[in-house]
Full PDB file with SEQRES, HELIX, SHEET, SSBOND, CRYST1, ORIGX, SCALE, CONECT and MASTER records, all heavy atoms in Angstrom:
SEQRES   1 A   41  ALA SER ILE THR ALA GLY HIS SER THR LEU TYR ASN GLY          
SEQRES   2 A   41  SER VAL LYS GLY ARG PHE THR ILE ALA ARG ASP ASN ALA          
SEQRES   3 A   41  LYS ASN THR VAL TYR LEU GLU MET ASN SER LEU LYS SER          
SEQRES   4 A   41  GLU ASP                                                      
SHEET    1 AA1 2 SER A   2  ILE A   3  0                                        
SHEET    2 AA1 2 THR A   9  LEU A  10 -1                                        
SHEET    1 AA2 2 PHE A  19  ASP A  24  0                                        
SHEET    2 AA2 2 THR A  29  MET A  34 -1                                        
CRYST1    1.000    1.000    1.000  90.00  90.00  90.00 P 1           1          
ORIGX1      1.000000  0.000000  0.000000        0.00000                         
ORIGX2      0.000000  1.000000  0.000000        0.00000                         
ORIGX3      0.000000  0.000000  1.000000        0.00000                         
SCALE1      1.000000  0.000000  0.000000        0.00000                         
SCALE2      0.000000  1.000000  0.000000        0.00000                         
SCALE3      0.000000  0.000000  1.000000        0.00000                         
ATOM      1  N   ALA A   1      98.123  78.733  75.957  1.00  0.00           N  
ATOM      2  CA  ALA A   1      99.433  78.119  75.943  1.00  0.00           C  
ATOM      3  C   ALA A   1      99.428  76.931  76.909  1.00  0.00           C  
ATOM      4  O   ALA A   1      98.656  76.901  77.851  1.00  0.00           O  
ATOM      5  CB  ALA A   1     100.526  79.103  76.336  1.00  0.00           C  
ATOM      6  N   SER A   2     100.323  75.984  76.679  1.00  0.00           N  
ATOM      7  CA  SER A   2     100.448  74.837  77.552  1.00  0.00           C  
ATOM      8  C   SER A   2     101.922  74.463  77.670  1.00  0.00           C  
ATOM      9  O   SER A   2     102.744  74.807  76.805  1.00  0.00           O  
ATOM     10  CB  SER A   2      99.627  73.648  77.059  1.00  0.00           C  
ATOM     11  OG  SER A   2     100.124  73.171  75.821  1.00  0.00           O  
ATOM     12  N   ILE A   3     102.211  73.737  78.715  1.00  0.00           N  
ATOM     13  CA  ILE A   3     103.593  73.312  78.943  1.00  0.00           C  
ATOM     14  C   ILE A   3     103.579  71.975  79.674  1.00  0.00           C  
ATOM     15  O   ILE A   3     102.810  71.760  80.603  1.00  0.00           O  
ATOM     16  CB  ILE A   3     104.386  74.380  79.734  1.00  0.00           C  
ATOM     17  CG1 ILE A   3     105.847  73.993  79.893  1.00  0.00           C  
ATOM     18  CG2 ILE A   3     103.741  74.640  81.093  1.00  0.00           C  
ATOM     19  CD1 ILE A   3     106.727  75.142  80.406  1.00  0.00           C  
ATOM     20  N   THR A   4     104.446  71.069  79.260  1.00  0.00           N  
ATOM     21  CA  THR A   4     104.526  69.752  79.870  1.00  0.00           C  
ATOM     22  C   THR A   4     105.536  69.761  81.000  1.00  0.00           C  
ATOM     23  O   THR A   4     106.270  70.711  81.213  1.00  0.00           O  
ATOM     24  CB  THR A   4     104.935  68.683  78.838  1.00  0.00           C  
ATOM     25  OG1 THR A   4     106.282  68.900  78.445  1.00  0.00           O  
ATOM     26  CG2 THR A   4     104.042  68.720  77.597  1.00  0.00           C  
ATOM     27  N   ALA A   5     105.586  68.612  81.701  1.00  0.00           N  
ATOM     28  CA  ALA A   5     106.576  68.490  82.793  1.00  0.00           C  
ATOM     29  C   ALA A   5     108.004  68.586  82.265  1.00  0.00           C  
ATOM     30  O   ALA A   5     108.907  68.978  82.972  1.00  0.00           O  
ATOM     31  CB  ALA A   5     106.394  67.178  83.513  1.00  0.00           C  
ATOM     32  N   GLY A   6     108.179  68.228  80.971  1.00  0.00           N  
ATOM     33  CA  GLY A   6     109.482  68.342  80.323  1.00  0.00           C  
ATOM     34  C   GLY A   6     109.702  69.660  79.668  1.00  0.00           C  
ATOM     35  O   GLY A   6     110.700  69.803  78.932  1.00  0.00           O  
ATOM     36  N   HIS A   7     108.823  70.604  79.883  1.00  0.00           N  
ATOM     37  CA  HIS A   7     108.938  71.974  79.383  1.00  0.00           C  
ATOM     38  C   HIS A   7     108.757  72.134  77.889  1.00  0.00           C  
ATOM     39  O   HIS A   7     109.236  73.098  77.272  1.00  0.00           O  
ATOM     40  CB  HIS A   7     110.255  72.617  79.823  1.00  0.00           C  
ATOM     41  CG  HIS A   7     110.402  72.724  81.333  1.00  0.00           C  
ATOM     42  ND1 HIS A   7     111.060  71.747  82.055  1.00  0.00           N  
ATOM     43  CD2 HIS A   7     109.964  73.620  82.210  1.00  0.00           C  
ATOM     44  CE1 HIS A   7     111.008  72.042  83.337  1.00  0.00           C  
ATOM     45  NE2 HIS A   7     110.350  73.184  83.474  1.00  0.00           N  
ATOM     46  N   SER A   8     108.078  71.182  77.284  1.00  0.00           N  
ATOM     47  CA  SER A   8     107.634  71.354  75.879  1.00  0.00           C  
ATOM     48  C   SER A   8     106.439  72.287  75.872  1.00  0.00           C  
ATOM     49  O   SER A   8     105.489  72.097  76.631  1.00  0.00           O  
ATOM     50  CB  SER A   8     107.280  70.023  75.291  1.00  0.00           C  
ATOM     51  OG  SER A   8     106.829  70.170  73.965  1.00  0.00           O  
ATOM     52  N   THR A   9     106.476  73.285  75.040  1.00  0.00           N  
ATOM     53  CA  THR A   9     105.430  74.341  75.018  1.00  0.00           C  
ATOM     54  C   THR A   9     104.619  74.351  73.738  1.00  0.00           C  
ATOM     55  O   THR A   9     105.077  73.933  72.683  1.00  0.00           O  
ATOM     56  CB  THR A   9     106.042  75.716  75.268  1.00  0.00           C  
ATOM     57  OG1 THR A   9     106.983  76.005  74.239  1.00  0.00           O  
ATOM     58  CG2 THR A   9     106.744  75.769  76.622  1.00  0.00           C  
ATOM     59  N   LEU A  10     103.423  74.881  73.858  1.00  0.00           N  
ATOM     60  CA  LEU A  10     102.533  75.073  72.731  1.00  0.00           C  
ATOM     61  C   LEU A  10     101.813  76.394  72.929  1.00  0.00           C  
ATOM     62  O   LEU A  10     101.343  76.686  74.024  1.00  0.00           O  
ATOM     63  CB  LEU A  10     101.538  73.911  72.635  1.00  0.00           C  
ATOM     64  CG  LEU A  10     100.506  73.976  71.502  1.00  0.00           C  
ATOM     65  CD1 LEU A  10     101.217  73.797  70.160  1.00  0.00           C  
ATOM     66  CD2 LEU A  10      99.455  72.900  71.682  1.00  0.00           C  
ATOM     67  N   TYR A  11     101.720  77.183  71.852  1.00  0.00           N  
ATOM     68  CA  TYR A  11     101.088  78.490  71.926  1.00  0.00           C  
ATOM     69  C   TYR A  11      99.994  78.652  70.888  1.00  0.00           C  
ATOM     70  O   TYR A  11     100.115  78.183  69.740  1.00  0.00           O  
ATOM     71  CB  TYR A  11     102.111  79.620  71.715  1.00  0.00           C  
ATOM     72  CG  TYR A  11     103.134  79.759  72.823  1.00  0.00           C  
ATOM     73  CD1 TYR A  11     104.342  79.081  72.731  1.00  0.00           C  
ATOM     74  CD2 TYR A  11     102.884  80.556  73.900  1.00  0.00           C  
ATOM     75  CE1 TYR A  11     105.297  79.201  73.733  1.00  0.00           C  
ATOM     76  CE2 TYR A  11     103.818  80.679  74.906  1.00  0.00           C  
ATOM     77  CZ  TYR A  11     105.036  80.039  74.827  1.00  0.00           C  
ATOM     78  OH  TYR A  11     105.981  80.140  75.811  1.00  0.00           O  
ATOM     79  N   ASN A  12      98.958  79.354  71.251  1.00  0.00           N  
ATOM     80  CA  ASN A  12      97.964  79.812  70.309  1.00  0.00           C  
ATOM     81  C   ASN A  12      98.682  80.839  69.403  1.00  0.00           C  
ATOM     82  O   ASN A  12      99.466  81.665  69.853  1.00  0.00           O  
ATOM     83  CB  ASN A  12      96.835  80.482  71.069  1.00  0.00           C  
ATOM     84  CG  ASN A  12      95.674  80.879  70.163  1.00  0.00           C  
ATOM     85  OD1 ASN A  12      95.820  81.632  69.214  1.00  0.00           O  
ATOM     86  ND2 ASN A  12      94.466  80.369  70.494  1.00  0.00           N  
ATOM     87  N   GLY A  13      98.416  80.726  68.111  1.00  0.00           N  
ATOM     88  CA  GLY A  13      99.092  81.599  67.160  1.00  0.00           C  
ATOM     89  C   GLY A  13      98.860  83.068  67.397  1.00  0.00           C  
ATOM     90  O   GLY A  13      99.708  83.903  67.052  1.00  0.00           O  
ATOM     91  N   SER A  14      97.763  83.423  68.043  1.00  0.00           N  
ATOM     92  CA  SER A  14      97.452  84.835  68.284  1.00  0.00           C  
ATOM     93  C   SER A  14      98.309  85.432  69.383  1.00  0.00           C  
ATOM     94  O   SER A  14      98.389  86.684  69.494  1.00  0.00           O  
ATOM     95  CB  SER A  14      95.963  84.998  68.626  1.00  0.00           C  
ATOM     96  OG  SER A  14      95.660  84.379  69.879  1.00  0.00           O  
ATOM     97  N   VAL A  15      98.974  84.606  70.187  1.00  0.00           N  
ATOM     98  CA  VAL A  15      99.795  85.126  71.290  1.00  0.00           C  
ATOM     99  C   VAL A  15     101.256  84.794  71.145  1.00  0.00           C  
ATOM    100  O   VAL A  15     102.095  85.299  71.903  1.00  0.00           O  
ATOM    101  CB  VAL A  15      99.297  84.620  72.646  1.00  0.00           C  
ATOM    102  CG1 VAL A  15      97.813  84.898  72.842  1.00  0.00           C  
ATOM    103  CG2 VAL A  15      99.570  83.129  72.838  1.00  0.00           C  
ATOM    104  N   LYS A  16     101.576  83.942  70.181  1.00  0.00           N  
ATOM    105  CA  LYS A  16     102.967  83.517  69.985  1.00  0.00           C  
ATOM    106  C   LYS A  16     103.851  84.729  69.699  1.00  0.00           C  
ATOM    107  O   LYS A  16     103.525  85.566  68.874  1.00  0.00           O  
ATOM    108  CB  LYS A  16     103.063  82.516  68.868  1.00  0.00           C  
ATOM    109  CG  LYS A  16     104.424  81.825  68.754  1.00  0.00           C  
ATOM    110  CD  LYS A  16     104.398  80.724  67.707  1.00  0.00           C  
ATOM    111  CE  LYS A  16     105.719  79.975  67.682  1.00  0.00           C  
ATOM    112  NZ  LYS A  16     105.711  78.867  66.680  1.00  0.00           N  
ATOM    113  N   GLY A  17     104.948  84.821  70.426  1.00  0.00           N  
ATOM    114  CA  GLY A  17     105.846  85.946  70.286  1.00  0.00           C  
ATOM    115  C   GLY A  17     105.573  87.044  71.288  1.00  0.00           C  
ATOM    116  O   GLY A  17     106.434  87.917  71.491  1.00  0.00           O  
ATOM    117  N   ARG A  18     104.390  87.035  71.878  1.00  0.00           N  
ATOM    118  CA  ARG A  18     104.042  88.038  72.877  1.00  0.00           C  
ATOM    119  C   ARG A  18     103.938  87.469  74.303  1.00  0.00           C  
ATOM    120  O   ARG A  18     104.246  88.108  75.260  1.00  0.00           O  
ATOM    121  CB  ARG A  18     102.728  88.705  72.511  1.00  0.00           C  
ATOM    122  CG  ARG A  18     102.733  89.452  71.197  1.00  0.00           C  
ATOM    123  CD  ARG A  18     101.457  90.243  70.989  1.00  0.00           C  
ATOM    124  NE  ARG A  18     100.281  89.395  70.910  1.00  0.00           N  
ATOM    125  CZ  ARG A  18      99.268  89.444  71.760  1.00  0.00           C  
ATOM    126  NH1 ARG A  18      99.254  90.348  72.766  1.00  0.00           N  
ATOM    127  NH2 ARG A  18      98.216  88.652  71.617  1.00  0.00           N  
ATOM    128  N   PHE A  19     103.439  86.214  74.370  1.00  0.00           N  
ATOM    129  CA  PHE A  19     103.280  85.553  75.649  1.00  0.00           C  
ATOM    130  C   PHE A  19     104.358  84.492  75.826  1.00  0.00           C  
ATOM    131  O   PHE A  19     104.769  83.852  74.856  1.00  0.00           O  
ATOM    132  CB  PHE A  19     101.903  84.884  75.747  1.00  0.00           C  
ATOM    133  CG  PHE A  19     100.731  85.818  75.810  1.00  0.00           C  
ATOM    134  CD1 PHE A  19     100.871  87.174  75.576  1.00  0.00           C  
ATOM    135  CD2 PHE A  19      99.469  85.316  76.119  1.00  0.00           C  
ATOM    136  CE1 PHE A  19      99.796  88.039  75.626  1.00  0.00           C  
ATOM    137  CE2 PHE A  19      98.375  86.162  76.181  1.00  0.00           C  
ATOM    138  CZ  PHE A  19      98.526  87.508  75.922  1.00  0.00           C  
ATOM    139  N   THR A  20     104.685  84.227  77.062  1.00  0.00           N  
ATOM    140  CA  THR A  20     105.633  83.146  77.383  1.00  0.00           C  
ATOM    141  C   THR A  20     105.103  82.343  78.556  1.00  0.00           C  
ATOM    142  O   THR A  20     104.742  82.906  79.582  1.00  0.00           O  
ATOM    143  CB  THR A  20     107.022  83.688  77.748  1.00  0.00           C  
ATOM    144  OG1 THR A  20     107.545  84.444  76.653  1.00  0.00           O  
ATOM    145  CG2 THR A  20     107.977  82.546  78.050  1.00  0.00           C  
ATOM    146  N   ILE A  21     105.006  81.016  78.371  1.00  0.00           N  
ATOM    147  CA  ILE A  21     104.591  80.159  79.458  1.00  0.00           C  
ATOM    148  C   ILE A  21     105.825  79.509  80.086  1.00  0.00           C  
ATOM    149  O   ILE A  21     106.744  79.116  79.355  1.00  0.00           O  
ATOM    150  CB  ILE A  21     103.565  79.098  78.977  1.00  0.00           C  
ATOM    151  CG1 ILE A  21     102.947  78.347  80.175  1.00  0.00           C  
ATOM    152  CG2 ILE A  21     104.172  78.136  77.983  1.00  0.00           C  
ATOM    153  CD1 ILE A  21     101.724  77.527  79.803  1.00  0.00           C  
ATOM    154  N   ALA A  22     105.843  79.389  81.367  1.00  0.00           N  
ATOM    155  CA  ALA A  22     106.957  78.774  82.084  1.00  0.00           C  
ATOM    156  C   ALA A  22     106.400  77.935  83.248  1.00  0.00           C  
ATOM    157  O   ALA A  22     105.266  78.117  83.687  1.00  0.00           O  
ATOM    158  CB  ALA A  22     107.913  79.830  82.583  1.00  0.00           C  
ATOM    159  N   ARG A  23     107.215  77.027  83.726  1.00  0.00           N  
ATOM    160  CA  ARG A  23     106.763  76.098  84.761  1.00  0.00           C  
ATOM    161  C   ARG A  23     107.891  75.826  85.736  1.00  0.00           C  
ATOM    162  O   ARG A  23     109.021  75.583  85.319  1.00  0.00           O  
ATOM    163  CB  ARG A  23     106.278  74.819  84.126  1.00  0.00           C  
ATOM    164  CG  ARG A  23     105.762  73.764  85.065  1.00  0.00           C  
ATOM    165  CD  ARG A  23     105.126  72.631  84.259  1.00  0.00           C  
ATOM    166  NE  ARG A  23     104.680  71.527  85.071  1.00  0.00           N  
ATOM    167  CZ  ARG A  23     103.935  70.539  84.643  1.00  0.00           C  
ATOM    168  NH1 ARG A  23     103.549  70.484  83.383  1.00  0.00           N  
ATOM    169  NH2 ARG A  23     103.597  69.556  85.484  1.00  0.00           N  
ATOM    170  N   ASP A  24     107.564  75.836  87.004  1.00  0.00           N  
ATOM    171  CA  ASP A  24     108.482  75.478  88.062  1.00  0.00           C  
ATOM    172  C   ASP A  24     107.917  74.214  88.695  1.00  0.00           C  
ATOM    173  O   ASP A  24     107.011  74.275  89.504  1.00  0.00           O  
ATOM    174  CB  ASP A  24     108.621  76.613  89.071  1.00  0.00           C  
ATOM    175  CG  ASP A  24     109.689  76.308  90.110  1.00  0.00           C  
ATOM    176  OD1 ASP A  24     109.974  75.136  90.419  1.00  0.00           O  
ATOM    177  OD2 ASP A  24     110.250  77.309  90.647  1.00  0.00           O  
ATOM    178  N   ASN A  25     108.479  73.067  88.308  1.00  0.00           N  
ATOM    179  CA  ASN A  25     107.929  71.795  88.804  1.00  0.00           C  
ATOM    180  C   ASN A  25     108.089  71.640  90.302  1.00  0.00           C  
ATOM    181  O   ASN A  25     107.222  71.044  90.963  1.00  0.00           O  
ATOM    182  CB  ASN A  25     108.601  70.626  88.091  1.00  0.00           C  
ATOM    183  CG  ASN A  25     108.272  70.545  86.622  1.00  0.00           C  
ATOM    184  OD1 ASN A  25     107.201  71.006  86.204  1.00  0.00           O  
ATOM    185  ND2 ASN A  25     109.138  69.939  85.833  1.00  0.00           N  
ATOM    186  N   ALA A  26     109.164  72.151  90.843  1.00  0.00           N  
ATOM    187  CA  ALA A  26     109.391  72.042  92.293  1.00  0.00           C  
ATOM    188  C   ALA A  26     108.335  72.789  93.089  1.00  0.00           C  
ATOM    189  O   ALA A  26     107.985  72.404  94.180  1.00  0.00           O  
ATOM    190  CB  ALA A  26     110.794  72.525  92.644  1.00  0.00           C  
ATOM    191  N   LYS A  27     107.865  73.903  92.518  1.00  0.00           N  
ATOM    192  CA  LYS A  27     106.854  74.718  93.195  1.00  0.00           C  
ATOM    193  C   LYS A  27     105.431  74.400  92.714  1.00  0.00           C  
ATOM    194  O   LYS A  27     104.472  75.001  93.188  1.00  0.00           O  
ATOM    195  CB  LYS A  27     107.135  76.195  92.969  1.00  0.00           C  
ATOM    196  CG  LYS A  27     108.461  76.661  93.589  1.00  0.00           C  
ATOM    197  CD  LYS A  27     108.641  78.158  93.374  1.00  0.00           C  
ATOM    198  CE  LYS A  27     109.912  78.679  94.011  1.00  0.00           C  
ATOM    199  NZ  LYS A  27     110.134  80.100  93.794  1.00  0.00           N  
ATOM    200  N   ASN A  28     105.317  73.489  91.735  1.00  0.00           N  
ATOM    201  CA  ASN A  28     104.018  73.133  91.188  1.00  0.00           C  
ATOM    202  C   ASN A  28     103.289  74.367  90.693  1.00  0.00           C  
ATOM    203  O   ASN A  28     102.098  74.531  90.885  1.00  0.00           O  
ATOM    204  CB  ASN A  28     103.164  72.383  92.200  1.00  0.00           C  
ATOM    205  CG  ASN A  28     103.816  71.111  92.702  1.00  0.00           C  
ATOM    206  OD1 ASN A  28     104.007  70.931  93.898  1.00  0.00           O  
ATOM    207  ND2 ASN A  28     104.161  70.237  91.780  1.00  0.00           N  
ATOM    208  N   THR A  29     104.029  75.214  90.001  1.00  0.00           N  
ATOM    209  CA  THR A  29     103.487  76.507  89.562  1.00  0.00           C  
ATOM    210  C   THR A  29     103.760  76.722  88.099  1.00  0.00           C  
ATOM    211  O   THR A  29     104.854  76.410  87.595  1.00  0.00           O  
ATOM    212  CB  THR A  29     104.126  77.659  90.380  1.00  0.00           C  
ATOM    213  OG1 THR A  29     103.801  77.478  91.754  1.00  0.00           O  
ATOM    214  CG2 THR A  29     103.590  78.991  89.915  1.00  0.00           C  
ATOM    215  N   VAL A  30     102.771  77.239  87.411  1.00  0.00           N  
ATOM    216  CA  VAL A  30     102.893  77.624  86.010  1.00  0.00           C  
ATOM    217  C   VAL A  30     102.661  79.115  85.900  1.00  0.00           C  
ATOM    218  O   VAL A  30     101.809  79.667  86.589  1.00  0.00           O  
ATOM    219  CB  VAL A  30     101.949  76.826  85.099  1.00  0.00           C  
ATOM    220  CG1 VAL A  30     100.484  77.115  85.433  1.00  0.00           C  
ATOM    221  CG2 VAL A  30     102.201  77.092  83.633  1.00  0.00           C  
ATOM    222  N   TYR A  31     103.401  79.755  85.009  1.00  0.00           N  
ATOM    223  CA  TYR A  31     103.300  81.208  84.841  1.00  0.00           C  
ATOM    224  C   TYR A  31     102.956  81.514  83.389  1.00  0.00           C  
ATOM    225  O   TYR A  31     103.271  80.759  82.469  1.00  0.00           O  
ATOM    226  CB  TYR A  31     104.629  81.887  85.158  1.00  0.00           C  
ATOM    227  CG  TYR A  31     105.201  81.548  86.508  1.00  0.00           C  
ATOM    228  CD1 TYR A  31     106.106  80.519  86.667  1.00  0.00           C  
ATOM    229  CD2 TYR A  31     104.852  82.308  87.632  1.00  0.00           C  
ATOM    230  CE1 TYR A  31     106.637  80.206  87.926  1.00  0.00           C  
ATOM    231  CE2 TYR A  31     105.374  82.015  88.868  1.00  0.00           C  
ATOM    232  CZ  TYR A  31     106.260  80.954  89.034  1.00  0.00           C  
ATOM    233  OH  TYR A  31     106.769  80.673  90.260  1.00  0.00           O  
ATOM    234  N   LEU A  32     102.319  82.628  83.205  1.00  0.00           N  
ATOM    235  CA  LEU A  32     102.067  83.131  81.851  1.00  0.00           C  
ATOM    236  C   LEU A  32     102.467  84.609  81.843  1.00  0.00           C  
ATOM    237  O   LEU A  32     101.806  85.445  82.426  1.00  0.00           O  
ATOM    238  CB  LEU A  32     100.591  82.989  81.480  1.00  0.00           C  
ATOM    239  CG  LEU A  32     100.278  83.385  80.018  1.00  0.00           C  
ATOM    240  CD1 LEU A  32     100.920  82.430  79.028  1.00  0.00           C  
ATOM    241  CD2 LEU A  32      98.770  83.410  79.814  1.00  0.00           C  
ATOM    242  N   GLU A  33     103.581  84.891  81.150  1.00  0.00           N  
ATOM    243  CA  GLU A  33     104.007  86.272  80.991  1.00  0.00           C  
ATOM    244  C   GLU A  33     103.362  86.821  79.738  1.00  0.00           C  
ATOM    245  O   GLU A  33     103.564  86.282  78.652  1.00  0.00           O  
ATOM    246  CB  GLU A  33     105.529  86.336  80.903  1.00  0.00           C  
ATOM    247  CG  GLU A  33     106.247  85.918  82.162  1.00  0.00           C  
ATOM    248  CD  GLU A  33     107.756  86.099  82.056  1.00  0.00           C  
ATOM    249  OE1 GLU A  33     108.232  86.714  81.083  1.00  0.00           O  
ATOM    250  OE2 GLU A  33     108.470  85.627  82.954  1.00  0.00           O  
ATOM    251  N   MET A  34     102.617  87.874  79.871  1.00  0.00           N  
ATOM    252  CA  MET A  34     101.893  88.462  78.779  1.00  0.00           C  
ATOM    253  C   MET A  34     102.445  89.854  78.494  1.00  0.00           C  
ATOM    254  O   MET A  34     102.407  90.722  79.395  1.00  0.00           O  
ATOM    255  CB  MET A  34     100.395  88.535  79.101  1.00  0.00           C  
ATOM    256  CG  MET A  34      99.792  87.198  79.481  1.00  0.00           C  
ATOM    257  SD  MET A  34      97.972  87.277  79.736  1.00  0.00           S  
ATOM    258  CE  MET A  34      97.938  88.310  81.197  1.00  0.00           C  
ATOM    259  N   ASN A  35     102.931  90.051  77.310  1.00  0.00           N  
ATOM    260  CA  ASN A  35     103.496  91.311  76.898  1.00  0.00           C  
ATOM    261  C   ASN A  35     102.741  91.850  75.675  1.00  0.00           C  
ATOM    262  O   ASN A  35     102.073  91.088  74.976  1.00  0.00           O  
ATOM    263  CB  ASN A  35     104.987  91.154  76.566  1.00  0.00           C  
ATOM    264  CG  ASN A  35     105.809  90.667  77.733  1.00  0.00           C  
ATOM    265  OD1 ASN A  35     105.742  91.234  78.838  1.00  0.00           O  
ATOM    266  ND2 ASN A  35     106.594  89.637  77.515  1.00  0.00           N  
ATOM    267  N   SER A  36     102.918  93.134  75.433  1.00  0.00           N  
ATOM    268  CA  SER A  36     102.281  93.789  74.281  1.00  0.00           C  
ATOM    269  C   SER A  36     100.789  93.439  74.198  1.00  0.00           C  
ATOM    270  O   SER A  36     100.271  93.048  73.155  1.00  0.00           O  
ATOM    271  CB  SER A  36     103.002  93.362  72.970  1.00  0.00           C  
ATOM    272  OG  SER A  36     104.359  93.698  73.009  1.00  0.00           O  
ATOM    273  N   LEU A  37     100.107  93.584  75.302  1.00  0.00           N  
ATOM    274  CA  LEU A  37      98.722  93.185  75.398  1.00  0.00           C  
ATOM    275  C   LEU A  37      97.831  94.014  74.475  1.00  0.00           C  
ATOM    276  O   LEU A  37      98.032  95.233  74.328  1.00  0.00           O  
ATOM    277  CB  LEU A  37      98.250  93.297  76.829  1.00  0.00           C  
ATOM    278  CG  LEU A  37      98.701  92.150  77.735  1.00  0.00           C  
ATOM    279  CD1 LEU A  37      98.570  92.547  79.215  1.00  0.00           C  
ATOM    280  CD2 LEU A  37      97.857  90.903  77.442  1.00  0.00           C  
ATOM    281  N   LYS A  38      96.871  93.356  73.862  1.00  0.00           N  
ATOM    282  CA  LYS A  38      95.932  93.960  72.979  1.00  0.00           C  
ATOM    283  C   LYS A  38      94.523  93.838  73.559  1.00  0.00           C  
ATOM    284  O   LYS A  38      94.268  93.024  74.444  1.00  0.00           O  
ATOM    285  CB  LYS A  38      95.963  93.252  71.603  1.00  0.00           C  
ATOM    286  CG  LYS A  38      97.332  93.207  70.958  1.00  0.00           C  
ATOM    287  CD  LYS A  38      97.280  92.391  69.676  1.00  0.00           C  
ATOM    288  CE  LYS A  38      98.644  92.342  69.029  1.00  0.00           C  
ATOM    289  NZ  LYS A  38      98.632  91.482  67.774  1.00  0.00           N  
ATOM    290  N   SER A  39      93.625  94.617  73.029  1.00  0.00           N  
ATOM    291  CA  SER A  39      92.238  94.581  73.520  1.00  0.00           C  
ATOM    292  C   SER A  39      91.643  93.193  73.353  1.00  0.00           C  
ATOM    293  O   SER A  39      90.827  92.756  74.190  1.00  0.00           O  
ATOM    294  CB  SER A  39      91.388  95.621  72.795  1.00  0.00           C  
ATOM    295  OG  SER A  39      91.357  95.403  71.403  1.00  0.00           O  
ATOM    296  N   GLU A  40      92.028  92.483  72.311  1.00  0.00           N  
ATOM    297  CA  GLU A  40      91.478  91.154  72.085  1.00  0.00           C  
ATOM    298  C   GLU A  40      91.973  90.107  73.066  1.00  0.00           C  
ATOM    299  O   GLU A  40      91.518  88.986  73.079  1.00  0.00           O  
ATOM    300  CB  GLU A  40      91.761  90.691  70.641  1.00  0.00           C  
ATOM    301  CG  GLU A  40      93.188  90.829  70.217  1.00  0.00           C  
ATOM    302  CD  GLU A  40      93.441  92.071  69.426  1.00  0.00           C  
ATOM    303  OE1 GLU A  40      92.966  93.158  69.820  1.00  0.00           O  
ATOM    304  OE2 GLU A  40      94.122  91.997  68.361  1.00  0.00           O  
ATOM    305  N   ASP A  41      92.991  90.480  73.880  1.00  0.00           N  
ATOM    306  CA  ASP A  41      93.490  89.579  74.922  1.00  0.00           C  
ATOM    307  C   ASP A  41      92.617  89.614  76.172  1.00  0.00           C  
ATOM    308  O   ASP A  41      92.774  88.789  77.060  1.00  0.00           O  
ATOM    309  CB  ASP A  41      94.919  89.909  75.309  1.00  0.00           C  
ATOM    310  CG  ASP A  41      95.892  89.701  74.157  1.00  0.00           C  
ATOM    311  OD1 ASP A  41      95.777  88.663  73.451  1.00  0.00           O  
ATOM    312  OD2 ASP A  41      96.757  90.563  73.970  1.00  0.00           O  
TER     313      ASP A  41                                                      
MASTER        0    0    0    0    4    0    0    6  312    1    0    4          
END                                                                             
């Protein structure tokens, strides 16, 4: 997954709906929330 400074996001189809990418520009930090994890992850 990727995210721009304007919070436009892009996801790999295999994780879409399960993972969420977020960004805090003030903290210069990006997060990846991963849910419903599978062995292939």
